[in-house]
Protein backbone atom coordinates (compact mmCIF):
# COMPACT_ATOMS: atom_id res chain seq x y z
CA MET A 1 -0.21 0.24 0.60
CA GLY A 2 1.59 3.41 -1.47
CA MET A 3 2.17 6.07 1.36
CA LEU A 4 -1.76 8.38 -0.01
CA GLU A 5 -3.90 5.05 0.69
CA ASN A 6 -2.46 4.34 4.02
CA LEU A 7 -3.45 8.31 4.77
CA GLU A 8 -6.79 7.44 3.54
CA ALA A 9 -6.92 4.14 5.27
CA MET A 10 -5.74 6.44 8.50
CA LEU A 11 -8.77 8.88 8.04
CA ALA A 12 -11.58 6.59 6.67
CA ALA A 13 -10.21 4.28 10.33
CA GLY A 14 -11.44 8.15 12.06
CA GLN A 15 -7.80 9.55 12.48
CA ASP A 16 -9.79 12.60 11.13
CA ASN A 17 -6.79 15.72 12.40
CA PRO A 18 -5.28 18.85 10.00
CA LEU A 19 -1.99 16.99 9.68
CA LEU A 20 -3.21 14.37 8.28
CA ARG A 21 -5.64 16.58 5.59
CA PHE A 22 -3.49 18.85 4.80
CA THR A 23 -0.47 15.64 3.47
CA LEU A 24 -3.61 14.26 1.44
CA GLY A 25 -4.14 17.75 0.32
CA ASN A 26 -0.52 18.42 -0.51
CA ILE A 27 -0.09 14.75 -1.85
CA LEU A 28 -3.20 15.09 -4.13
CA LEU A 29 -2.11 18.71 -5.56
CA LYS A 30 0.99 17.03 -6.64
CA GLN A 31 -0.57 14.16 -7.76
CA GLY A 32 -2.84 16.73 -10.58
CA ASP A 33 -6.20 16.00 -8.03
CA ALA A 34 -7.16 19.73 -7.52
CA GLN A 35 -10.67 18.99 -6.37
CA GLY A 36 -10.03 15.92 -4.30
CA SER A 37 -6.89 18.40 -2.50
CA VAL A 38 -9.55 21.04 -2.01
CA GLU A 39 -11.71 19.22 -0.21
CA HIS A 40 -8.95 18.08 2.23
CA LEU A 41 -7.30 21.67 2.00
CA GLN A 42 -10.96 22.80 3.21
CA GLN A 43 -11.07 20.58 6.45
CA ALA A 44 -7.24 21.38 7.84
CA VAL A 45 -7.94 24.86 7.84
CA LYS A 46 -11.61 24.42 9.20
CA GLN A 47 -9.94 22.15 11.57
CA ASP A 48 -7.22 24.94 12.11
CA PRO A 49 -7.63 27.97 11.42
CA GLY A 50 -4.34 29.03 12.43
CA TYR A 51 -2.61 26.34 9.50
CA SER A 52 -0.69 29.11 7.65
CA ALA A 53 0.95 25.84 5.41
CA ALA A 54 -2.73 24.91 4.40
CA TRP A 55 -3.89 28.09 3.75
CA LYS A 56 -0.69 28.28 1.29
CA VAL A 57 -1.02 24.81 -0.39
CA TYR A 58 -5.25 25.74 -0.90
CA GLY A 59 -4.72 28.78 -2.61
CA LYS A 60 -2.26 27.25 -4.80
CA ALA A 61 -5.37 23.80 -5.72
CA LEU A 62 -7.84 26.28 -5.38
CA GLN A 63 -5.75 28.17 -8.46
CA ALA A 64 -5.31 24.91 -10.38
CA LEU A 65 -9.01 24.37 -10.90
CA GLY A 66 -8.97 27.85 -12.19
CA ASP A 67 -10.50 30.00 -9.06
CA ASN A 68 -8.24 32.69 -9.30
CA GLU A 69 -11.44 34.35 -6.75
CA GLY A 70 -11.31 31.72 -4.34
CA ALA A 71 -7.28 31.81 -4.21
CA ILE A 72 -6.45 35.12 -4.24
CA GLN A 73 -9.81 34.58 -0.86
CA VAL A 74 -7.75 32.12 0.60
CA TYR A 75 -4.33 33.90 0.61
CA GLU A 76 -5.99 36.83 2.09
CA LYS A 77 -7.15 34.69 5.18
CA GLY A 78 -4.00 32.83 4.67
CA ILE A 79 -1.48 35.82 5.27
CA GLU A 80 -3.90 37.29 8.02
CA ALA A 81 -3.67 33.53 10.04
CA ALA A 82 0.23 33.81 9.48
CA ARG A 83 1.10 36.76 10.46
CA GLN A 84 -1.35 36.40 14.36
CA LYS A 85 1.08 32.96 13.98
CA GLY A 86 3.98 34.94 13.36
CA ASP A 87 4.89 32.56 10.43
CA ILE A 88 6.61 35.66 8.33
CA GLN A 89 7.94 33.46 5.77
CA ALA A 90 4.69 32.11 4.80
CA VAL A 91 2.92 35.51 4.98
CA LYS A 92 5.89 36.78 2.27
CA GLU A 93 4.86 33.72 -0.09
CA MET A 94 1.22 33.95 0.15
CA GLN A 95 2.12 37.91 -0.84
CA VAL A 96 3.49 37.12 -3.88
CA PHE A 97 1.30 34.17 -4.82
CA LEU A 98 -1.06 37.20 -4.25
CA LYS A 99 0.33 39.70 -6.01
CA ARG A 100 0.27 37.38 -9.33
CA LEU A 101 -3.38 36.61 -8.75
CA LYS A 102 -4.42 40.07 -8.45
CA LYS A 103 -2.41 40.91 -12.20
CA GLY A 104 -3.32 38.39 -13.72
CA VAL A 105 -7.62 38.81 -12.65
């Protein structure tokens, strides 16, 4: 069984948590399943609104789906979450993604 299958089995067994959801979302996005990624990342940030890494990947997944407006909203929320947490690197990264997106919209 591969890593994705193991993680999905953990989720099915009731081991739902933000890190598991983030990891599933990240793997699915890398495999080209942006819709599946979004579903897990929505849950990750719902369970932990301060999870800046999940906000960042969530924005990327929405961009991959062509939902630039949604991605802008997610990056803005993610920047606020990262600021509150003191995660300066995540703030900077999401600000760059946001700036690029707003130029293209």
